């Protein structure tokens, strides 16, 4: 499993772009993880799936609500990563009013989840291999804090925990 001090793995994540611009076409666009995190402080949180109860009621809304505080604490971008396709992540982002606040990054084949070791096997529940619920603070591609939830828990990967860690990193 990835740990504090490790660099993010090489690979890509996909994001559904609503408006053409900045070299991005409308629809799914692939982004190089290492290039997108270079020179930035990024709060990344992973979760099992779009439109699932805890993810939709607590996890994403917490980050959307705290975006200004996180940015004031030195976070340049917030990424929500889930094992879903970019179309689903785009629709979920619209549903969650995440536009311009949280980048809804699709890990469609679970490559990022596997590369970080942050997987959750939900095959018995008909959902296949998913991302574990976690958050991490990444500075210039290097993990500075990592908070991995226990099975069925939502206690340490929330926006308040990330905010406290961002403030501590900046101090």
N, C-alpha and C. Protein backbone atom coordinates (compact mmCIF):
# COMPACT_ATOMS: atom_id res chain seq x y z
N UNK A 1 0.85 -1.19 0.00
CA UNK A 1 0.00 0.00 0.00
C UNK A 1 0.89 1.24 0.00
N UNK A 2 0.45 2.26 -0.72
CA UNK A 2 1.16 3.53 -0.74
C UNK A 2 1.25 4.06 0.68
N UNK A 3 2.30 4.81 0.97
CA UNK A 3 2.47 5.35 2.32
C UNK A 3 3.02 6.76 2.26
N UNK A 4 2.99 7.44 3.39
CA UNK A 4 3.52 8.79 3.48
C UNK A 4 4.98 8.77 3.02
N UNK A 5 5.33 9.71 2.16
CA UNK A 5 6.67 9.79 1.60
C UNK A 5 6.79 9.20 0.21
N UNK A 6 5.82 8.38 -0.20
CA UNK A 6 5.83 7.79 -1.54
C UNK A 6 5.33 8.79 -2.57
N UNK A 7 5.81 8.62 -3.81
CA UNK A 7 5.28 9.40 -4.94
C UNK A 7 4.02 8.71 -5.46
N UNK A 8 3.11 9.51 -5.99
CA UNK A 8 1.93 8.93 -6.63
C UNK A 8 2.38 8.06 -7.79
N UNK A 9 1.66 6.97 -8.06
CA UNK A 9 2.06 6.10 -9.17
C UNK A 9 1.81 6.76 -10.52
N UNK A 10 2.57 6.31 -11.51
CA UNK A 10 2.35 6.76 -12.88
C UNK A 10 1.01 6.21 -13.35
N UNK A 11 0.38 6.92 -14.25
CA UNK A 11 -0.88 6.46 -14.82
C UNK A 11 -1.77 7.63 -15.16
N UNK A 12 -2.99 7.32 -15.51
CA UNK A 12 -3.95 8.36 -15.89
C UNK A 12 -5.26 8.19 -15.13
N UNK A 13 -5.93 9.30 -14.96
CA UNK A 13 -7.31 9.33 -14.47
C UNK A 13 -8.11 10.09 -15.52
N UNK A 14 -9.40 9.85 -15.58
CA UNK A 14 -10.25 10.49 -16.57
C UNK A 14 -11.25 11.40 -15.90
N UNK A 15 -11.52 12.52 -16.56
CA UNK A 15 -12.47 13.49 -16.04
C UNK A 15 -13.39 13.91 -17.16
N UNK A 16 -14.68 13.99 -16.86
CA UNK A 16 -15.64 14.47 -17.84
C UNK A 16 -15.63 15.99 -17.80
N UNK A 17 -15.32 16.60 -18.94
CA UNK A 17 -15.24 18.06 -19.05
C UNK A 17 -16.52 18.58 -19.69
N UNK A 18 -17.16 19.54 -19.04
CA UNK A 18 -18.44 20.08 -19.50
C UNK A 18 -18.28 21.12 -20.60
N UNK A 19 -17.17 21.89 -20.56
CA UNK A 19 -16.97 23.00 -21.48
C UNK A 19 -15.60 22.87 -22.11
N UNK A 20 -15.53 23.01 -23.42
CA UNK A 20 -14.26 22.90 -24.12
C UNK A 20 -13.35 24.07 -23.75
N UNK A 21 -12.08 23.77 -23.56
CA UNK A 21 -11.13 24.84 -23.25
C UNK A 21 -9.87 24.30 -22.63
N UNK A 22 -8.83 25.12 -22.60
CA UNK A 22 -7.54 24.75 -22.02
C UNK A 22 -7.02 23.42 -22.55
N UNK A 23 -7.21 23.18 -23.85
CA UNK A 23 -6.73 21.94 -24.45
C UNK A 23 -7.58 20.73 -24.15
N UNK A 24 -8.72 20.93 -23.50
CA UNK A 24 -9.61 19.81 -23.16
C UNK A 24 -10.85 19.88 -24.04
N UNK A 25 -11.22 18.76 -24.58
CA UNK A 25 -12.44 18.70 -25.36
C UNK A 25 -13.61 18.37 -24.44
N UNK A 26 -14.81 18.61 -24.92
CA UNK A 26 -16.00 18.25 -24.16
C UNK A 26 -16.04 16.72 -24.05
N UNK A 27 -16.40 16.22 -22.90
CA UNK A 27 -16.47 14.77 -22.70
C UNK A 27 -15.29 14.28 -21.89
N UNK A 28 -15.07 12.99 -21.90
CA UNK A 28 -13.96 12.42 -21.11
C UNK A 28 -12.60 12.85 -21.63
N UNK A 29 -11.74 13.24 -20.73
CA UNK A 29 -10.36 13.59 -21.03
C UNK A 29 -9.47 12.83 -20.06
N UNK A 30 -8.33 12.35 -20.56
CA UNK A 30 -7.37 11.64 -19.72
C UNK A 30 -6.33 12.61 -19.21
N UNK A 31 -5.95 12.43 -17.95
CA UNK A 31 -4.94 13.29 -17.33
C UNK A 31 -3.86 12.44 -16.69
N UNK A 32 -2.62 12.80 -16.95
CA UNK A 32 -1.47 12.14 -16.38
C UNK A 32 -1.38 12.52 -14.90
N UNK A 33 -1.43 11.53 -14.03
CA UNK A 33 -1.47 11.76 -12.58
C UNK A 33 -0.24 12.55 -12.11
N UNK A 34 0.93 12.15 -12.56
CA UNK A 34 2.14 12.82 -12.10
C UNK A 34 2.23 14.25 -12.62
N UNK A 35 1.83 14.50 -13.87
CA UNK A 35 1.85 15.86 -14.40
C UNK A 35 0.82 16.74 -13.71
N UNK A 36 -0.37 16.19 -13.44
CA UNK A 36 -1.45 16.97 -12.82
C UNK A 36 -1.16 17.33 -11.37
N UNK A 37 -0.32 16.54 -10.71
CA UNK A 37 -0.02 16.81 -9.30
C UNK A 37 1.30 17.56 -9.11
N UNK A 38 2.08 17.69 -10.18
CA UNK A 38 3.38 18.37 -10.09
C UNK A 38 3.22 19.84 -9.72
N UNK A 39 3.98 20.26 -8.72
CA UNK A 39 3.99 21.66 -8.31
C UNK A 39 2.73 22.11 -7.60
N UNK A 40 1.89 21.19 -7.20
CA UNK A 40 0.61 21.52 -6.55
C UNK A 40 0.47 20.76 -5.23
N UNK A 41 -0.40 21.28 -4.39
CA UNK A 41 -0.86 20.54 -3.22
C UNK A 41 -2.27 20.08 -3.55
N UNK A 42 -2.46 18.76 -3.54
CA UNK A 42 -3.73 18.18 -3.95
C UNK A 42 -4.30 17.33 -2.81
N UNK A 43 -5.55 17.59 -2.48
CA UNK A 43 -6.28 16.74 -1.55
C UNK A 43 -7.01 15.71 -2.39
N UNK A 44 -6.68 14.45 -2.21
CA UNK A 44 -7.31 13.37 -2.97
C UNK A 44 -8.12 12.53 -2.00
N UNK A 45 -9.36 12.28 -2.35
CA UNK A 45 -10.12 11.33 -1.55
C UNK A 45 -10.73 10.29 -2.47
N UNK A 46 -10.64 9.05 -2.03
CA UNK A 46 -11.15 7.93 -2.80
C UNK A 46 -12.32 7.31 -2.07
N UNK A 47 -13.20 6.72 -2.86
CA UNK A 47 -14.40 6.13 -2.27
C UNK A 47 -14.90 5.01 -3.16
N UNK A 48 -15.74 4.13 -2.61
CA UNK A 48 -16.17 2.94 -3.35
C UNK A 48 -17.00 3.18 -4.60
N UNK A 49 -17.86 4.20 -4.61
CA UNK A 49 -18.65 4.35 -5.82
C UNK A 49 -19.52 5.58 -5.86
N UNK A 50 -19.71 6.08 -7.07
CA UNK A 50 -20.60 7.21 -7.31
C UNK A 50 -22.02 6.84 -6.94
N UNK A 51 -22.74 7.81 -6.44
CA UNK A 51 -24.16 7.68 -6.10
C UNK A 51 -24.44 6.67 -4.98
N UNK A 52 -23.41 6.24 -4.27
CA UNK A 52 -23.63 5.33 -3.15
C UNK A 52 -23.94 6.17 -1.90
N UNK A 53 -24.62 5.58 -0.90
CA UNK A 53 -25.15 6.38 0.21
C UNK A 53 -24.17 7.26 0.97
N UNK A 54 -23.15 6.69 1.59
CA UNK A 54 -22.21 7.48 2.38
C UNK A 54 -21.44 8.45 1.49
N UNK A 55 -21.06 8.00 0.33
CA UNK A 55 -20.29 8.83 -0.60
C UNK A 55 -21.08 10.06 -1.02
N UNK A 56 -22.37 9.88 -1.28
CA UNK A 56 -23.21 10.98 -1.75
C UNK A 56 -23.74 11.86 -0.63
N UNK A 57 -23.97 11.28 0.52
CA UNK A 57 -24.57 12.05 1.62
C UNK A 57 -23.53 12.76 2.49
N UNK A 58 -22.32 12.22 2.56
CA UNK A 58 -21.32 12.76 3.48
C UNK A 58 -19.98 13.11 2.84
N UNK A 59 -19.40 12.14 2.12
CA UNK A 59 -18.02 12.31 1.68
C UNK A 59 -17.85 13.47 0.70
N UNK A 60 -18.51 13.41 -0.45
CA UNK A 60 -18.38 14.49 -1.44
C UNK A 60 -18.93 15.81 -0.91
N UNK A 61 -20.12 15.84 -0.31
CA UNK A 61 -20.64 17.13 0.18
C UNK A 61 -19.70 17.82 1.17
N UNK A 62 -18.98 17.06 1.98
CA UNK A 62 -18.05 17.65 2.93
C UNK A 62 -16.94 18.41 2.24
N UNK A 63 -16.40 17.83 1.18
CA UNK A 63 -15.32 18.50 0.44
C UNK A 63 -15.86 19.68 -0.35
N UNK A 64 -17.03 19.56 -0.93
CA UNK A 64 -17.64 20.68 -1.66
C UNK A 64 -17.85 21.86 -0.70
N UNK A 65 -18.34 21.56 0.48
CA UNK A 65 -18.62 22.62 1.48
C UNK A 65 -17.34 23.27 2.01
N UNK A 66 -16.25 22.53 2.07
CA UNK A 66 -15.01 23.04 2.66
C UNK A 66 -13.99 23.53 1.64
N UNK A 67 -14.38 23.63 0.36
CA UNK A 67 -13.42 23.99 -0.68
C UNK A 67 -12.69 25.30 -0.38
N UNK A 68 -13.39 26.32 0.05
CA UNK A 68 -12.74 27.61 0.31
C UNK A 68 -11.76 27.52 1.47
N UNK A 69 -12.13 26.79 2.51
CA UNK A 69 -11.23 26.61 3.65
C UNK A 69 -10.00 25.79 3.28
N UNK A 70 -10.19 24.76 2.47
CA UNK A 70 -9.07 23.94 2.03
C UNK A 70 -8.12 24.77 1.16
N UNK A 71 -8.67 25.58 0.28
CA UNK A 71 -7.82 26.42 -0.58
C UNK A 71 -7.07 27.44 0.27
N UNK A 72 -7.72 28.02 1.27
CA UNK A 72 -7.07 28.97 2.17
C UNK A 72 -5.94 28.30 2.96
N UNK A 73 -6.04 26.99 3.16
CA UNK A 73 -5.01 26.22 3.87
C UNK A 73 -3.90 25.73 2.94
N UNK A 74 -3.96 26.15 1.67
CA UNK A 74 -2.88 25.81 0.75
C UNK A 74 -3.16 24.70 -0.24
N UNK A 75 -4.37 24.16 -0.25
CA UNK A 75 -4.73 23.10 -1.20
C UNK A 75 -5.07 23.76 -2.54
N UNK A 76 -4.39 23.33 -3.59
CA UNK A 76 -4.63 23.88 -4.92
C UNK A 76 -5.81 23.22 -5.62
N UNK A 77 -5.94 21.91 -5.46
CA UNK A 77 -7.01 21.15 -6.10
C UNK A 77 -7.51 20.05 -5.17
N UNK A 78 -8.75 19.66 -5.38
CA UNK A 78 -9.35 18.54 -4.66
C UNK A 78 -9.82 17.54 -5.71
N UNK A 79 -9.39 16.29 -5.56
CA UNK A 79 -9.79 15.23 -6.49
C UNK A 79 -10.60 14.18 -5.74
N UNK A 80 -11.73 13.83 -6.30
CA UNK A 80 -12.51 12.68 -5.84
C UNK A 80 -12.23 11.57 -6.84
N UNK A 81 -11.71 10.44 -6.37
CA UNK A 81 -11.36 9.32 -7.25
C UNK A 81 -12.23 8.12 -6.91
N UNK A 82 -12.85 7.56 -7.95
CA UNK A 82 -13.70 6.39 -7.76
C UNK A 82 -13.59 5.47 -8.97
N UNK A 83 -13.80 4.18 -8.74
CA UNK A 83 -13.79 3.20 -9.81
C UNK A 83 -15.16 3.25 -10.50
N UNK A 84 -15.28 4.24 -11.35
CA UNK A 84 -16.45 4.45 -12.20
C UNK A 84 -15.93 5.03 -13.51
N UNK A 85 -16.75 5.08 -14.53
CA UNK A 85 -16.31 5.71 -15.78
C UNK A 85 -16.50 7.22 -15.69
N UNK A 86 -15.89 7.93 -16.62
CA UNK A 86 -15.91 9.40 -16.60
C UNK A 86 -17.32 9.96 -16.78
N UNK A 87 -18.18 9.25 -17.51
CA UNK A 87 -19.55 9.72 -17.71
C UNK A 87 -20.32 9.70 -16.38
N UNK A 88 -20.16 8.62 -15.64
CA UNK A 88 -20.81 8.51 -14.33
C UNK A 88 -20.26 9.55 -13.36
N UNK A 89 -18.94 9.72 -13.35
CA UNK A 89 -18.34 10.70 -12.45
C UNK A 89 -18.78 12.12 -12.82
N UNK A 90 -18.93 12.40 -14.11
CA UNK A 90 -19.41 13.70 -14.54
C UNK A 90 -20.84 13.95 -14.08
N UNK A 91 -21.69 12.95 -14.24
CA UNK A 91 -23.10 13.07 -13.81
C UNK A 91 -23.17 13.23 -12.30
N UNK A 92 -22.34 12.48 -11.58
CA UNK A 92 -22.34 12.58 -10.12
C UNK A 92 -21.84 13.95 -9.67
N UNK A 93 -20.83 14.46 -10.37
CA UNK A 93 -20.33 15.80 -10.06
C UNK A 93 -21.42 16.86 -10.23
N UNK A 94 -22.21 16.75 -11.29
CA UNK A 94 -23.33 17.68 -11.49
C UNK A 94 -24.33 17.54 -10.36
N UNK A 95 -24.65 16.31 -9.99
CA UNK A 95 -25.61 16.04 -8.92
C UNK A 95 -25.13 16.61 -7.58
N UNK A 96 -23.84 16.58 -7.36
CA UNK A 96 -23.23 17.03 -6.10
C UNK A 96 -22.82 18.51 -6.13
N UNK A 97 -23.05 19.19 -7.23
CA UNK A 97 -22.67 20.60 -7.39
C UNK A 97 -21.17 20.79 -7.14
N UNK A 98 -20.38 19.87 -7.70
CA UNK A 98 -18.93 19.86 -7.49
C UNK A 98 -18.17 20.69 -8.52
N UNK A 99 -18.82 21.13 -9.58
CA UNK A 99 -18.16 21.87 -10.65
C UNK A 99 -17.35 23.04 -10.14
N UNK A 100 -16.07 23.10 -10.56
CA UNK A 100 -15.18 24.18 -10.15
C UNK A 100 -14.69 24.05 -8.72
N UNK A 101 -15.10 23.01 -8.03
CA UNK A 101 -14.70 22.81 -6.64
C UNK A 101 -13.91 21.52 -6.45
N UNK A 102 -14.51 20.41 -6.88
CA UNK A 102 -13.89 19.08 -6.73
C UNK A 102 -13.80 18.45 -8.11
N UNK A 103 -12.61 18.02 -8.49
CA UNK A 103 -12.45 17.30 -9.76
C UNK A 103 -12.90 15.86 -9.55
N UNK A 104 -13.87 15.44 -10.33
CA UNK A 104 -14.43 14.09 -10.21
C UNK A 104 -13.67 13.17 -11.17
N UNK A 105 -12.66 12.49 -10.64
CA UNK A 105 -11.73 11.71 -11.44
C UNK A 105 -12.12 10.23 -11.48
N UNK A 106 -12.26 9.73 -12.69
CA UNK A 106 -12.66 8.34 -12.91
C UNK A 106 -11.43 7.44 -12.98
N UNK A 107 -11.50 6.35 -12.27
CA UNK A 107 -10.48 5.29 -12.28
C UNK A 107 -11.18 4.04 -12.80
N UNK A 108 -11.66 4.12 -14.04
CA UNK A 108 -12.57 3.12 -14.61
C UNK A 108 -12.15 1.67 -14.48
N UNK A 109 -10.89 1.38 -14.63
CA UNK A 109 -10.42 -0.01 -14.55
C UNK A 109 -9.72 -0.31 -13.23
N UNK A 110 -9.83 0.58 -12.28
CA UNK A 110 -9.22 0.45 -10.95
C UNK A 110 -7.69 0.42 -11.01
N UNK A 111 -7.11 0.96 -12.06
CA UNK A 111 -5.65 0.95 -12.18
C UNK A 111 -4.98 1.78 -11.08
N UNK A 112 -5.52 2.96 -10.78
CA UNK A 112 -4.96 3.80 -9.72
C UNK A 112 -5.15 3.12 -8.36
N UNK A 113 -6.33 2.58 -8.12
CA UNK A 113 -6.60 1.88 -6.85
C UNK A 113 -5.62 0.72 -6.67
N UNK A 114 -5.39 -0.04 -7.72
CA UNK A 114 -4.46 -1.18 -7.64
C UNK A 114 -3.03 -0.69 -7.43
N UNK A 115 -2.63 0.35 -8.17
CA UNK A 115 -1.26 0.85 -8.08
C UNK A 115 -0.94 1.42 -6.70
N UNK A 116 -1.95 1.97 -6.02
CA UNK A 116 -1.73 2.52 -4.68
C UNK A 116 -1.95 1.46 -3.60
N UNK A 117 -2.54 0.33 -3.97
CA UNK A 117 -2.87 -0.71 -2.99
C UNK A 117 -4.10 -0.36 -2.17
N UNK A 118 -4.86 0.62 -2.63
CA UNK A 118 -6.05 1.08 -1.89
C UNK A 118 -7.32 0.52 -2.55
N UNK A 119 -7.41 -0.80 -2.57
CA UNK A 119 -8.55 -1.45 -3.19
C UNK A 119 -9.50 -2.01 -2.13
N UNK A 120 -10.72 -2.22 -2.57
CA UNK A 120 -11.77 -2.81 -1.74
C UNK A 120 -12.52 -3.79 -2.62
N UNK A 121 -12.52 -5.06 -2.25
CA UNK A 121 -13.19 -6.08 -3.05
C UNK A 121 -14.65 -6.19 -2.63
N UNK A 122 -15.52 -5.68 -3.47
CA UNK A 122 -16.96 -5.73 -3.21
C UNK A 122 -17.65 -6.70 -4.17
N UNK A 123 -16.90 -7.69 -4.64
CA UNK A 123 -17.45 -8.68 -5.56
C UNK A 123 -18.67 -9.38 -4.97
N UNK A 124 -18.62 -9.70 -3.69
CA UNK A 124 -19.74 -10.40 -3.04
C UNK A 124 -21.02 -9.55 -3.04
N UNK A 125 -20.86 -8.22 -3.18
CA UNK A 125 -22.02 -7.33 -3.21
C UNK A 125 -22.37 -6.91 -4.64
N UNK A 126 -21.73 -7.58 -5.63
CA UNK A 126 -22.02 -7.31 -7.03
C UNK A 126 -21.38 -6.06 -7.59
N UNK A 127 -20.38 -5.51 -6.88
CA UNK A 127 -19.75 -4.26 -7.34
C UNK A 127 -18.32 -4.44 -7.83
N UNK A 128 -17.76 -5.64 -7.73
CA UNK A 128 -16.41 -5.88 -8.21
C UNK A 128 -15.35 -5.21 -7.36
N UNK A 129 -14.18 -5.01 -7.97
CA UNK A 129 -13.06 -4.38 -7.28
C UNK A 129 -13.26 -2.87 -7.31
N UNK A 130 -13.19 -2.26 -6.17
CA UNK A 130 -13.43 -0.82 -6.01
C UNK A 130 -12.27 -0.17 -5.29
N UNK A 131 -12.39 1.13 -5.10
CA UNK A 131 -11.43 1.88 -4.31
C UNK A 131 -11.84 1.79 -2.84
N UNK A 132 -10.86 1.70 -1.98
CA UNK A 132 -11.12 1.83 -0.55
C UNK A 132 -11.52 3.28 -0.28
N UNK A 133 -12.10 3.52 0.86
CA UNK A 133 -12.41 4.89 1.28
C UNK A 133 -11.16 5.43 1.99
N UNK A 134 -10.64 6.53 1.49
CA UNK A 134 -9.42 7.12 2.04
C UNK A 134 -9.35 8.60 1.67
N UNK A 135 -8.39 9.28 2.26
CA UNK A 135 -7.99 10.60 1.79
C UNK A 135 -6.48 10.69 1.92
N UNK A 136 -5.90 11.52 1.08
CA UNK A 136 -4.46 11.76 1.16
C UNK A 136 -4.17 13.19 0.74
N UNK A 137 -3.19 13.76 1.37
CA UNK A 137 -2.72 15.08 0.99
C UNK A 137 -1.40 14.88 0.25
N UNK A 138 -1.33 15.41 -0.95
CA UNK A 138 -0.19 15.19 -1.83
C UNK A 138 0.42 16.54 -2.19
N UNK A 139 1.72 16.66 -1.99
CA UNK A 139 2.43 17.90 -2.35
C UNK A 139 3.49 17.56 -3.39
N UNK A 140 3.38 18.19 -4.55
CA UNK A 140 4.31 17.95 -5.66
C UNK A 140 4.45 16.45 -5.95
N UNK A 141 3.34 15.75 -5.93
CA UNK A 141 3.33 14.33 -6.27
C UNK A 141 3.73 13.38 -5.16
N UNK A 142 4.05 13.90 -3.97
CA UNK A 142 4.49 13.07 -2.85
C UNK A 142 3.41 13.07 -1.76
N UNK A 143 3.09 11.88 -1.26
CA UNK A 143 2.07 11.75 -0.22
C UNK A 143 2.59 12.31 1.10
N UNK A 144 1.86 13.29 1.64
CA UNK A 144 2.24 13.91 2.91
C UNK A 144 1.39 13.41 4.07
N UNK A 145 0.16 12.99 3.80
CA UNK A 145 -0.67 12.35 4.81
C UNK A 145 -1.57 11.35 4.11
N UNK A 146 -1.93 10.29 4.83
CA UNK A 146 -2.79 9.24 4.28
C UNK A 146 -3.71 8.75 5.37
N UNK A 147 -5.00 8.73 5.06
CA UNK A 147 -6.03 8.33 6.02
C UNK A 147 -6.90 7.26 5.37
N UNK A 148 -6.73 6.03 5.79
CA UNK A 148 -7.47 4.92 5.20
C UNK A 148 -8.54 4.45 6.19
N UNK A 149 -9.75 4.38 5.72
CA UNK A 149 -10.88 3.96 6.56
C UNK A 149 -10.90 2.44 6.74
N UNK A 150 -11.38 2.02 7.89
CA UNK A 150 -11.64 0.61 8.11
C UNK A 150 -12.90 0.23 7.34
N UNK A 151 -13.16 -1.07 7.19
CA UNK A 151 -14.34 -1.52 6.45
C UNK A 151 -15.64 -0.91 7.01
N UNK A 152 -16.41 -0.31 6.13
CA UNK A 152 -17.70 0.27 6.51
C UNK A 152 -17.62 1.54 7.34
N UNK A 153 -16.44 2.12 7.48
CA UNK A 153 -16.25 3.30 8.33
C UNK A 153 -16.17 4.59 7.51
N UNK A 154 -16.47 5.70 8.17
CA UNK A 154 -16.27 7.05 7.63
C UNK A 154 -15.90 7.93 8.81
N UNK A 155 -14.62 7.87 9.17
CA UNK A 155 -14.15 8.56 10.37
C UNK A 155 -12.91 9.42 10.15
N UNK A 156 -12.05 9.05 9.19
CA UNK A 156 -10.76 9.74 9.05
C UNK A 156 -10.49 10.30 7.65
N UNK A 157 -11.37 10.04 6.70
CA UNK A 157 -11.12 10.51 5.32
C UNK A 157 -11.98 11.72 4.96
N UNK A 158 -12.62 12.29 5.95
CA UNK A 158 -13.53 13.41 5.75
C UNK A 158 -12.78 14.72 5.49
N UNK A 159 -13.52 15.73 5.06
CA UNK A 159 -12.94 17.03 4.73
C UNK A 159 -12.35 17.74 5.95
N UNK A 160 -12.95 17.57 7.13
CA UNK A 160 -12.42 18.22 8.33
C UNK A 160 -11.04 17.70 8.68
N UNK A 161 -10.84 16.38 8.57
CA UNK A 161 -9.53 15.79 8.84
C UNK A 161 -8.52 16.31 7.82
N UNK A 162 -8.91 16.34 6.55
CA UNK A 162 -8.00 16.84 5.51
C UNK A 162 -7.66 18.30 5.73
N UNK A 163 -8.62 19.09 6.15
CA UNK A 163 -8.39 20.51 6.43
C UNK A 163 -7.35 20.68 7.54
N UNK A 164 -7.51 19.92 8.62
CA UNK A 164 -6.54 19.99 9.72
C UNK A 164 -5.14 19.60 9.24
N UNK A 165 -5.04 18.59 8.39
CA UNK A 165 -3.74 18.16 7.89
C UNK A 165 -3.14 19.18 6.94
N UNK A 166 -3.97 19.83 6.12
CA UNK A 166 -3.49 20.87 5.21
C UNK A 166 -2.95 22.05 6.00
N UNK A 167 -3.65 22.42 7.06
CA UNK A 167 -3.20 23.53 7.91
C UNK A 167 -1.87 23.17 8.57
N UNK A 168 -1.73 21.93 9.05
CA UNK A 168 -0.50 21.49 9.70
C UNK A 168 0.66 21.47 8.72
N UNK A 169 0.41 21.07 7.48
CA UNK A 169 1.45 21.01 6.46
C UNK A 169 1.95 22.42 6.13
N UNK A 170 1.04 23.35 6.15
CA UNK A 170 1.37 24.73 5.79
C UNK A 170 2.11 25.45 6.92
N UNK A 171 1.89 25.01 8.16
CA UNK A 171 2.49 25.69 9.33
C UNK A 171 4.00 25.54 9.38
